[in-house]
Amino acid sequence: MKLIEAQPKSTFLQKMIDRYQFYDCREGVLFKSIPNGKIEGWTIISGQLELLDDHHNQFVPVEEHGFYPMSKEVTLFRIPETLICLNIKLNLTVLSYPFFDNFFHHWRELSTASLFDEQSFQSIQALDFLQEGSIDTSVLDAALERFFQGQQAIPQLSQIIVFMMERLDSSTKIGHLAKAMNMSTKTLERLTYKHFSKSPKELWNIIRFGKATAHLRKVETSKLIEALSFGYYDQSHFNKTCRQITGLAPRELFNQMKLPTNDLLFEGD
């Protein structure tokens, strides 16, 4: 599988979008997604992507243009034969925009095609954003800036996520966050359950873990002990969190990451 990544050059979009990803897979593969505190929005150019339906224990095709909340749980995906796909990895701050209202309860009803005007969407289908083996972000940035600037964000929700992303110290209590937001702890809990389908503590843990694994995966010379700089008490604390979120020990987790991204684990060789 080939993966090309790029970050938006627009400073406005960098608050909402973590990165763009282009996947080119020419053979069948089975992989797991792990919670990373992001929202995945894909547009399939050709081929097929399938998601395991836990209720019926079988794989079912996903929509050609859809979203998935990867801050939920470990999920099994399959590419039966081939897949060419643009993926947009969105920060949870996008949930403050009306388009994503109540996202965790109706994400299956949303389409990434709604983020683009007709001309931009046709450019994506034609792979105009690929230039000499890299992603030219200009078309994607321009289209997504128009989309987000056309919506009025709810500042309170963005502030909660930004606060959590900037304060990763485990000694920081949920009560501190609520106080900083000028609200009671119960009000904060009600907000995070409603908009993120998680308690404040669960959401904070996933954000911290996502940032730690992204750093450890990106910097080849980094050691697991560096996870402590992301707010873990000690190595044991990080190990325990890793098992809680992924079901794997840290070294097992990183051994299964075959691509330069921190949220996909490949099954088998």
C-alpha atoms as a PDB file:
ATOM      1  CA  MET A   1       0.000   0.000   0.000  1.00  0.00           C
ATOM      2  CA  LYS A   2       1.278   3.463  -0.932  1.00  0.00           C
ATOM      3  CA  LEU A   3       0.569   6.419   1.345  1.00  0.00           C
ATOM      4  CA  ILE A   4       1.261  10.082   0.572  1.00  0.00           C
ATOM      5  CA  GLU A   5       0.555  12.708   3.242  1.00  0.00           C
ATOM      6  CA  ALA A   6       0.506  16.505   3.376  1.00  0.00           C
ATOM      7  CA  GLN A   7      -0.660  19.102   5.852  1.00  0.00           C
ATOM      8  CA  PRO A   8      -2.838  22.043   4.803  1.00  0.00           C
ATOM      9  CA  LYS A   9      -0.856  25.193   4.133  1.00  0.00           C
ATOM     10  CA  SER A  10      -3.778  27.394   5.167  1.00  0.00           C
ATOM     11  CA  THR A  11      -3.295  28.556   8.769  1.00  0.00           C
ATOM     12  CA  PHE A  12      -7.073  28.812   9.045  1.00  0.00           C
ATOM     13  CA  LEU A  13      -7.522  25.140   8.106  1.00  0.00           C
ATOM     14  CA  GLN A  14      -4.726  23.870  10.338  1.00  0.00           C
ATOM     15  CA  LYS A  15      -7.095  24.309  13.284  1.00  0.00           C
ATOM     16  CA  MET A  16      -9.575  21.885  11.716  1.00  0.00           C
ATOM     17  CA  ILE A  17      -7.526  19.550   9.528  1.00  0.00           C
ATOM     18  CA  ASP A  18      -4.640  17.422  10.749  1.00  0.00           C
ATOM     19  CA  ARG A  19      -3.543  16.210   7.300  1.00  0.00           C
ATOM     20  CA  TYR A  20      -4.509  14.975   3.853  1.00  0.00           C
ATOM     21  CA  GLN A  21      -3.753  11.365   2.927  1.00  0.00           C
ATOM     22  CA  PHE A  22      -3.721   9.656  -0.466  1.00  0.00           C
ATOM     23  CA  TYR A  23      -3.949   5.857  -0.370  1.00  0.00           C
ATOM     24  CA  ASP A  24      -3.099   3.662  -3.339  1.00  0.00           C
ATOM     25  CA  CYS A  25      -3.581  -0.033  -2.592  1.00  0.00           C
ATOM     26  CA  ARG A  26      -3.276  -2.585  -5.410  1.00  0.00           C
ATOM     27  CA  GLU A  27      -3.958  -5.747  -3.412  1.00  0.00           C
ATOM     28  CA  GLY A  28      -6.343  -7.003  -0.763  1.00  0.00           C
ATOM     29  CA  VAL A  29      -5.476  -6.152   2.818  1.00  0.00           C
ATOM     30  CA  LEU A  30      -7.001  -6.339   6.299  1.00  0.00           C
ATOM     31  CA  PHE A  31      -6.287  -3.627   8.845  1.00  0.00           C
ATOM     32  CA  LYS A  32      -7.485  -2.155  12.139  1.00  0.00           C
ATOM     33  CA  SER A  33      -8.046   1.463  13.005  1.00  0.00           C
ATOM     34  CA  ILE A  34      -7.284   2.564  16.546  1.00  0.00           C
ATOM     35  CA  PRO A  35      -8.739   5.575  18.393  1.00  0.00           C
ATOM     36  CA  ASN A  36      -6.679   8.679  17.612  1.00  0.00           C
ATOM     37  CA  GLY A  37      -8.851  11.659  18.521  1.00  0.00           C
ATOM     38  CA  LYS A  38      -9.503  12.397  14.829  1.00  0.00           C
ATOM     39  CA  ILE A  39     -12.374  12.133  12.366  1.00  0.00           C
ATOM     40  CA  GLU A  40     -11.679  10.381   9.075  1.00  0.00           C
ATOM     41  CA  GLY A  41     -13.365  11.670   5.940  1.00  0.00           C
ATOM     42  CA  TRP A  42     -12.725   9.666   2.772  1.00  0.00           C
ATOM     43  CA  THR A  43     -13.504   9.996  -0.912  1.00  0.00           C
ATOM     44  CA  ILE A  44     -13.026   6.754  -2.826  1.00  0.00           C
ATOM     45  CA  ILE A  45     -11.715   7.345  -6.341  1.00  0.00           C
ATOM     46  CA  SER A  46     -11.798   3.680  -7.352  1.00  0.00           C
ATOM     47  CA  GLY A  47     -12.014   0.298  -5.679  1.00  0.00           C
ATOM     48  CA  GLN A  48     -13.809  -0.572  -2.467  1.00  0.00           C
ATOM     49  CA  LEU A  49     -13.423  -0.248   1.293  1.00  0.00           C
ATOM     50  CA  GLU A  50     -15.324  -2.491   3.704  1.00  0.00           C
ATOM     51  CA  LEU A  51     -16.097  -2.204   7.404  1.00  0.00           C
ATOM     52  CA  LEU A  52     -16.789  -5.130   9.721  1.00  0.00           C
ATOM     53  CA  ASP A  53     -20.436  -5.210  10.804  1.00  0.00           C
ATOM     54  CA  ASP A  54     -20.160  -6.510  14.369  1.00  0.00           C
ATOM     55  CA  HIS A  55     -23.863  -7.372  14.582  1.00  0.00           C
ATOM     56  CA  HIS A  56     -23.743  -9.729  11.588  1.00  0.00           C
ATOM     57  CA  ASN A  57     -20.013 -10.567  11.779  1.00  0.00           C
ATOM     58  CA  GLN A  58     -19.431  -9.780   8.122  1.00  0.00           C
ATOM     59  CA  PHE A  59     -17.785  -7.046   6.059  1.00  0.00           C
ATOM     60  CA  VAL A  60     -20.028  -4.510   4.352  1.00  0.00           C
ATOM     61  CA  PRO A  61     -19.020  -1.822   1.810  1.00  0.00           C
ATOM     62  CA  VAL A  62     -18.772   1.740   3.111  1.00  0.00           C
ATOM     63  CA  GLU A  63     -20.160   4.712   1.202  1.00  0.00           C
ATOM     64  CA  GLU A  64     -17.960   6.143  -1.536  1.00  0.00           C
ATOM     65  CA  HIS A  65     -17.842   9.482   0.253  1.00  0.00           C
ATOM     66  CA  GLY A  66     -18.145   9.137   4.005  1.00  0.00           C
ATOM     67  CA  PHE A  67     -16.884   9.776   7.517  1.00  0.00           C
ATOM     68  CA  TYR A  68     -15.794   7.645  10.419  1.00  0.00           C
ATOM     69  CA  PRO A  69     -15.193   8.727  14.041  1.00  0.00           C
ATOM     70  CA  MET A  70     -11.891   7.040  14.867  1.00  0.00           C
ATOM     71  CA  SER A  71     -12.123   8.236  18.444  1.00  0.00           C
ATOM     72  CA  LYS A  72     -14.643   5.459  19.106  1.00  0.00           C
ATOM     73  CA  GLU A  73     -13.016   2.026  19.322  1.00  0.00           C
ATOM     74  CA  VAL A  74     -10.719  -0.380  17.506  1.00  0.00           C
ATOM     75  CA  THR A  75     -12.410  -1.226  14.192  1.00  0.00           C
ATOM     76  CA  LEU A  76     -11.625  -3.770  11.486  1.00  0.00           C
ATOM     77  CA  PHE A  77     -11.540  -2.669   7.822  1.00  0.00           C
ATOM     78  CA  ARG A  78     -10.867  -4.596   4.626  1.00  0.00           C
ATOM     79  CA  ILE A  79      -9.796  -3.692   1.118  1.00  0.00           C
ATOM     80  CA  PRO A  80     -10.989  -6.680  -0.977  1.00  0.00           C
ATOM     81  CA  GLU A  81      -8.793  -6.023  -4.015  1.00  0.00           C
ATOM     82  CA  THR A  82      -7.793  -2.429  -4.785  1.00  0.00           C
ATOM     83  CA  LEU A  83      -8.437   1.038  -3.415  1.00  0.00           C
ATOM     84  CA  ILE A  84      -7.484   4.548  -4.533  1.00  0.00           C
ATOM     85  CA  CYS A  85      -8.728   7.025  -1.978  1.00  0.00           C
ATOM     86  CA  LEU A  86      -8.305  10.547  -0.637  1.00  0.00           C
ATOM     87  CA  ASN A  87      -8.606  10.698   3.142  1.00  0.00           C
ATOM     88  CA  ILE A  88      -8.971  13.886   5.154  1.00  0.00           C
ATOM     89  CA  LYS A  89      -7.977  13.518   8.786  1.00  0.00           C
ATOM     90  CA  LEU A  90      -9.981  16.124  10.705  1.00  0.00           C
ATOM     91  CA  ASN A  91      -9.389  17.427  14.214  1.00  0.00           C
ATOM     92  CA  LEU A  92     -12.276  17.168  16.681  1.00  0.00           C
ATOM     93  CA  THR A  93     -12.584  20.963  16.547  1.00  0.00           C
ATOM     94  CA  VAL A  94     -14.713  20.505  13.417  1.00  0.00           C
ATOM     95  CA  LEU A  95     -17.508  19.260  15.680  1.00  0.00           C
ATOM     96  CA  SER A  96     -18.131  22.887  16.633  1.00  0.00           C
ATOM     97  CA  TYR A  97     -19.463  23.535  13.102  1.00  0.00           C
ATOM     98  CA  PRO A  98     -23.191  23.018  12.319  1.00  0.00           C
ATOM     99  CA  PHE A  99     -22.508  20.485   9.556  1.00  0.00           C
ATOM    100  CA  PHE A 100     -21.085  18.088  12.164  1.00  0.00           C
ATOM    101  CA  ASP A 101     -23.764  18.674  14.796  1.00  0.00           C
ATOM    102  CA  ASN A 102     -24.479  15.489  16.778  1.00  0.00           C
ATOM    103  CA  PHE A 103     -21.866  13.792  14.599  1.00  0.00           C
ATOM    104  CA  PHE A 104     -21.322  10.669  16.705  1.00  0.00           C
ATOM    105  CA  HIS A 105     -24.993   9.737  16.379  1.00  0.00           C
ATOM    106  CA  HIS A 106     -25.463  10.309  12.638  1.00  0.00           C
ATOM    107  CA  TRP A 107     -22.013  10.185  11.015  1.00  0.00           C
ATOM    108  CA  ARG A 108     -23.280   7.493   8.607  1.00  0.00           C
ATOM    109  CA  GLU A 109     -25.639  10.056   7.060  1.00  0.00           C
ATOM    110  CA  LEU A 110     -22.912  12.560   6.154  1.00  0.00           C
ATOM    111  CA  SER A 111     -20.949  12.699   2.903  1.00  0.00           C
ATOM    112  CA  THR A 112     -17.515  14.207   2.285  1.00  0.00           C
ATOM    113  CA  ALA A 113     -18.856  15.312  -1.103  1.00  0.00           C
ATOM    114  CA  SER A 114     -20.764  18.016   0.822  1.00  0.00           C
ATOM    115  CA  LEU A 115     -17.462  19.661   1.770  1.00  0.00           C
ATOM    116  CA  PHE A 116     -16.636  20.548  -1.847  1.00  0.00           C
ATOM    117  CA  ASP A 117     -18.224  22.544  -4.641  1.00  0.00           C
ATOM    118  CA  GLU A 118     -18.823  20.718  -7.924  1.00  0.00           C
ATOM    119  CA  GLN A 119     -15.656  21.931  -9.643  1.00  0.00           C
ATOM    120  CA  SER A 120     -13.412  21.046  -6.699  1.00  0.00           C
ATOM    121  CA  PHE A 121     -15.037  17.645  -6.358  1.00  0.00           C
ATOM    122  CA  GLN A 122     -14.429  16.885 -10.044  1.00  0.00           C
ATOM    123  CA  SER A 123     -10.772  17.879  -9.581  1.00  0.00           C
ATOM    124  CA  ILE A 124     -10.477  15.402  -6.726  1.00  0.00           C
ATOM    125  CA  GLN A 125     -12.004  12.610  -8.799  1.00  0.00           C
ATOM    126  CA  ALA A 126      -9.480  13.400 -11.541  1.00  0.00           C
ATOM    127  CA  LEU A 127      -6.614  13.291  -9.011  1.00  0.00           C
ATOM    128  CA  ASP A 128      -5.617  16.868  -9.882  1.00  0.00           C
ATOM    129  CA  PHE A 129      -4.261  17.243  -6.336  1.00  0.00           C
ATOM    130  CA  LEU A 130      -1.445  14.767  -7.118  1.00  0.00           C
ATOM    131  CA  GLN A 131       1.652  16.466  -8.504  1.00  0.00           C
ATOM    132  CA  GLU A 132       4.837  14.447  -9.146  1.00  0.00           C
ATOM    133  CA  GLY A 133       4.217  11.950  -6.382  1.00  0.00           C
ATOM    134  CA  SER A 134       3.114  14.490  -3.760  1.00  0.00           C
ATOM    135  CA  ILE A 135      -0.111  16.202  -2.715  1.00  0.00           C
ATOM    136  CA  ASP A 136      -0.651  19.731  -3.999  1.00  0.00           C
ATOM    137  CA  THR A 137      -2.861  21.110  -1.237  1.00  0.00           C
ATOM    138  CA  SER A 138      -4.002  24.230  -3.118  1.00  0.00           C
ATOM    139  CA  VAL A 139      -7.239  22.765  -4.531  1.00  0.00           C
ATOM    140  CA  LEU A 140      -8.123  21.031  -1.270  1.00  0.00           C
ATOM    141  CA  ASP A 141      -7.281  24.065   0.876  1.00  0.00           C
ATOM    142  CA  ALA A 142      -9.271  26.492  -1.264  1.00  0.00           C
ATOM    143  CA  ALA A 143     -12.385  24.311  -1.308  1.00  0.00           C
ATOM    144  CA  LEU A 144     -12.343  23.500   2.402  1.00  0.00           C
ATOM    145  CA  GLU A 145     -11.692  27.118   3.368  1.00  0.00           C
ATOM    146  CA  ARG A 146     -14.864  28.072   1.491  1.00  0.00           C
ATOM    147  CA  PHE A 147     -16.796  25.361   3.301  1.00  0.00           C
ATOM    148  CA  PHE A 148     -15.693  26.196   6.844  1.00  0.00           C
ATOM    149  CA  GLN A 149     -15.800  29.962   6.373  1.00  0.00           C
ATOM    150  CA  GLY A 150     -19.407  29.559   5.262  1.00  0.00           C
ATOM    151  CA  GLN A 151     -20.355  28.101   8.660  1.00  0.00           C
ATOM    152  CA  GLN A 152     -20.541  29.740  12.064  1.00  0.00           C
ATOM    153  CA  ALA A 153     -18.609  27.742  14.644  1.00  0.00           C
ATOM    154  CA  ILE A 154     -19.621  27.302  18.284  1.00  0.00           C
ATOM    155  CA  PRO A 155     -16.540  28.643  20.123  1.00  0.00           C
ATOM    156  CA  GLN A 156     -17.237  26.749  23.346  1.00  0.00           C
ATOM    157  CA  LEU A 157     -16.744  23.313  21.770  1.00  0.00           C
ATOM    158  CA  SER A 158     -13.528  24.315  20.009  1.00  0.00           C
ATOM    159  CA  GLN A 159     -12.184  25.704  23.271  1.00  0.00           C
ATOM    160  CA  ILE A 160     -12.754  22.381  25.056  1.00  0.00           C
ATOM    161  CA  ILE A 161     -10.737  20.463  22.444  1.00  0.00           C
ATOM    162  CA  VAL A 162      -7.975  23.080  22.212  1.00  0.00           C
ATOM    163  CA  PHE A 163      -7.697  23.101  26.015  1.00  0.00           C
ATOM    164  CA  MET A 164      -7.336  19.311  26.092  1.00  0.00           C
ATOM    165  CA  MET A 165      -4.773  19.292  23.275  1.00  0.00           C
ATOM    166  CA  GLU A 166      -2.633  21.913  24.998  1.00  0.00           C
ATOM    167  CA  ARG A 167      -2.859  20.500  28.526  1.00  0.00           C
ATOM    168  CA  LEU A 168      -1.751  16.877  28.497  1.00  0.00           C
ATOM    169  CA  ASP A 169      -0.482  16.630  32.075  1.00  0.00           C
ATOM    170  CA  SER A 170      -2.275  13.804  33.887  1.00  0.00           C
ATOM    171  CA  SER A 171      -2.238  15.872  37.070  1.00  0.00           C
ATOM    172  CA  THR A 172      -4.643  18.353  35.457  1.00  0.00           C
ATOM    173  CA  LYS A 173      -8.130  17.496  36.699  1.00  0.00           C
ATOM    174  CA  ILE A 174     -11.423  17.645  34.832  1.00  0.00           C
ATOM    175  CA  GLY A 175     -12.536  20.206  37.405  1.00  0.00           C
ATOM    176  CA  HIS A 176      -9.678  22.478  36.274  1.00  0.00           C
ATOM    177  CA  LEU A 177     -10.940  22.275  32.699  1.00  0.00           C
ATOM    178  CA  ALA A 178     -14.510  23.036  33.748  1.00  0.00           C
ATOM    179  CA  LYS A 179     -13.344  26.022  35.797  1.00  0.00           C
ATOM    180  CA  ALA A 180     -11.259  27.346  32.897  1.00  0.00           C
ATOM    181  CA  MET A 181     -14.362  27.094  30.699  1.00  0.00           C
ATOM    182  CA  ASN A 182     -16.478  28.932  33.324  1.00  0.00           C
ATOM    183  CA  MET A 183     -18.841  26.001  33.735  1.00  0.00           C
ATOM    184  CA  SER A 184     -19.604  23.292  36.264  1.00  0.00           C
ATOM    185  CA  THR A 185     -18.137  19.800  35.944  1.00  0.00           C
ATOM    186  CA  LYS A 186     -21.624  18.405  35.259  1.00  0.00           C
ATOM    187  CA  THR A 187     -22.159  20.889  32.437  1.00  0.00           C
ATOM    188  CA  LEU A 188     -18.816  19.905  30.896  1.00  0.00           C
ATOM    189  CA  GLU A 189     -19.707  16.218  31.160  1.00  0.00           C
ATOM    190  CA  ARG A 190     -23.058  16.864  29.515  1.00  0.00           C
ATOM    191  CA  LEU A 191     -21.362  18.722  26.641  1.00  0.00           C
ATOM    192  CA  THR A 192     -18.733  16.071  25.940  1.00  0.00           C
ATOM    193  CA  TYR A 193     -21.243  13.216  26.064  1.00  0.00           C
ATOM    194  CA  LYS A 194     -23.577  15.090  23.713  1.00  0.00           C
ATOM    195  CA  HIS A 195     -21.025  16.217  21.133  1.00  0.00           C
ATOM    196  CA  PHE A 196     -18.219  13.638  21.443  1.00  0.00           C
ATOM    197  CA  SER A 197     -20.012  10.569  22.841  1.00  0.00           C
ATOM    198  CA  LYS A 198     -17.341  10.376  25.556  1.00  0.00           C
ATOM    199  CA  SER A 199     -16.835  11.517  29.117  1.00  0.00           C
ATOM    200  CA  PRO A 200     -14.295  14.365  29.506  1.00  0.00           C
ATOM    201  CA  LYS A 201     -11.735  11.911  30.910  1.00  0.00           C
ATOM    202  CA  GLU A 202     -12.201   9.386  28.087  1.00  0.00           C
ATOM    203  CA  LEU A 203     -11.923  12.105  25.460  1.00  0.00           C
ATOM    204  CA  TRP A 204      -8.834  13.596  27.084  1.00  0.00           C
ATOM    205  CA  ASN A 205      -7.162  10.158  27.279  1.00  0.00           C
ATOM    206  CA  ILE A 206      -7.721   9.519  23.566  1.00  0.00           C
ATOM    207  CA  ILE A 207      -6.396  12.946  22.577  1.00  0.00           C
ATOM    208  CA  ARG A 208      -3.289  12.463  24.732  1.00  0.00           C
ATOM    209  CA  PHE A 209      -2.695   8.946  23.414  1.00  0.00           C
ATOM    210  CA  GLY A 210      -3.138  10.068  19.796  1.00  0.00           C
ATOM    211  CA  LYS A 211      -0.589  12.849  20.187  1.00  0.00           C
ATOM    212  CA  ALA A 212       1.897  10.563  21.940  1.00  0.00           C
ATOM    213  CA  THR A 213       1.720   7.770  19.348  1.00  0.00           C
ATOM    214  CA  ALA A 214       1.877  10.265  16.464  1.00  0.00           C
ATOM    215  CA  HIS A 215       5.120  11.656  17.895  1.00  0.00           C
ATOM    216  CA  LEU A 216       6.634   8.244  18.607  1.00  0.00           C
ATOM    217  CA  ARG A 217       5.738   7.017  15.124  1.00  0.00           C
ATOM    218  CA  LYS A 218       7.030  10.110  13.350  1.00  0.00           C
ATOM    219  CA  VAL A 219      10.394  10.402  15.102  1.00  0.00           C
ATOM    220  CA  GLU A 220      12.277   7.189  14.357  1.00  0.00           C
ATOM    221  CA  THR A 221      14.904   7.803  17.037  1.00  0.00           C
ATOM    222  CA  SER A 222      12.342   8.411  19.779  1.00  0.00           C
ATOM    223  CA  LYS A 223      11.971   5.998  22.678  1.00  0.00           C
ATOM    224  CA  LEU A 224       8.803   4.913  24.412  1.00  0.00           C
ATOM    225  CA  ILE A 225       9.959   6.778  27.489  1.00  0.00           C
ATOM    226  CA  GLU A 226       9.322   9.995  25.538  1.00  0.00           C
ATOM    227  CA  ALA A 227       5.617   9.292  26.000  1.00  0.00           C
ATOM    228  CA  LEU A 228       6.099  10.671  29.500  1.00  0.00           C
ATOM    229  CA  SER A 229       6.433  14.141  27.989  1.00  0.00           C
ATOM    230  CA  PHE A 230       2.777  13.809  26.911  1.00  0.00           C
ATOM    231  CA  GLY A 231       1.494  13.746  30.462  1.00  0.00           C
ATOM    232  CA  TYR A 232       1.847  10.133  31.572  1.00  0.00           C
ATOM    233  CA  TYR A 233       2.979   9.513  35.145  1.00  0.00           C
ATOM    234  CA  ASP A 234       5.466   6.817  34.148  1.00  0.00           C
ATOM    235  CA  GLN A 235       6.108   4.072  31.604  1.00  0.00           C
ATOM    236  CA  SER A 236       3.617   1.769  33.325  1.00  0.00           C
ATOM    237  CA  HIS A 237       0.890   4.397  33.001  1.00  0.00           C
ATOM    238  CA  PHE A 238       1.500   4.677  29.229  1.00  0.00           C
ATOM    239  CA  ASN A 239       1.582   0.878  28.857  1.00  0.00           C
ATOM    240  CA  LYS A 240      -1.731   0.524  30.705  1.00  0.00           C
ATOM    241  CA  THR A 241      -3.392   3.236  28.615  1.00  0.00           C
ATOM    242  CA  CYS A 242      -2.104   1.637  25.419  1.00  0.00           C
ATOM    243  CA  ARG A 243      -3.650  -1.717  26.350  1.00  0.00           C
ATOM    244  CA  GLN A 244      -6.927  -0.081  27.366  1.00  0.00           C
ATOM    245  CA  ILE A 245      -7.287   1.740  24.037  1.00  0.00           C
ATOM    246  CA  THR A 246      -5.763  -0.750  21.577  1.00  0.00           C
ATOM    247  CA  GLY A 247      -5.601  -4.104  23.397  1.00  0.00           C
ATOM    248  CA  LEU A 248      -1.848  -4.236  22.702  1.00  0.00           C
ATOM    249  CA  ALA A 249       1.382  -3.480  24.517  1.00  0.00           C
ATOM    250  CA  PRO A 250       3.253  -0.462  23.039  1.00  0.00           C
ATOM    251  CA  ARG A 251       5.915  -2.520  21.242  1.00  0.00           C
ATOM    252  CA  GLU A 252       3.262  -4.820  19.745  1.00  0.00           C
ATOM    253  CA  LEU A 253       1.348  -1.741  18.630  1.00  0.00           C
ATOM    254  CA  PHE A 254       4.269  -0.117  16.814  1.00  0.00           C
ATOM    255  CA  ASN A 255       5.342  -3.416  15.253  1.00  0.00           C
ATOM    256  CA  GLN A 256       1.951  -3.632  13.508  1.00  0.00           C
ATOM    257  CA  MET A 257       2.180  -0.111  12.063  1.00  0.00           C
ATOM    258  CA  LYS A 258       3.402  -0.701   8.507  1.00  0.00           C
ATOM    259  CA  LEU A 259       2.791   2.832   7.231  1.00  0.00           C
ATOM    260  CA  PRO A 260       4.068   6.226   8.484  1.00  0.00           C
ATOM    261  CA  THR A 261       0.832   6.872  10.323  1.00  0.00           C
ATOM    262  CA  ASN A 262      -0.077   6.135  13.938  1.00  0.00           C
ATOM    263  CA  ASP A 263      -3.600   4.772  13.649  1.00  0.00           C
ATOM    264  CA  LEU A 264      -3.585   1.805  11.243  1.00  0.00           C
ATOM    265  CA  LEU A 265      -2.521  -1.710  12.267  1.00  0.00           C
ATOM    266  CA  PHE A 266      -2.144  -4.352   9.576  1.00  0.00           C
ATOM    267  CA  GLU A 267      -3.286  -7.916  10.150  1.00  0.00           C
ATOM    268  CA  GLY A 268      -0.856 -10.655   9.100  1.00  0.00           C
ATOM    269  CA  ASP A 269       2.432 -10.050   7.269  1.00  0.00           C
END
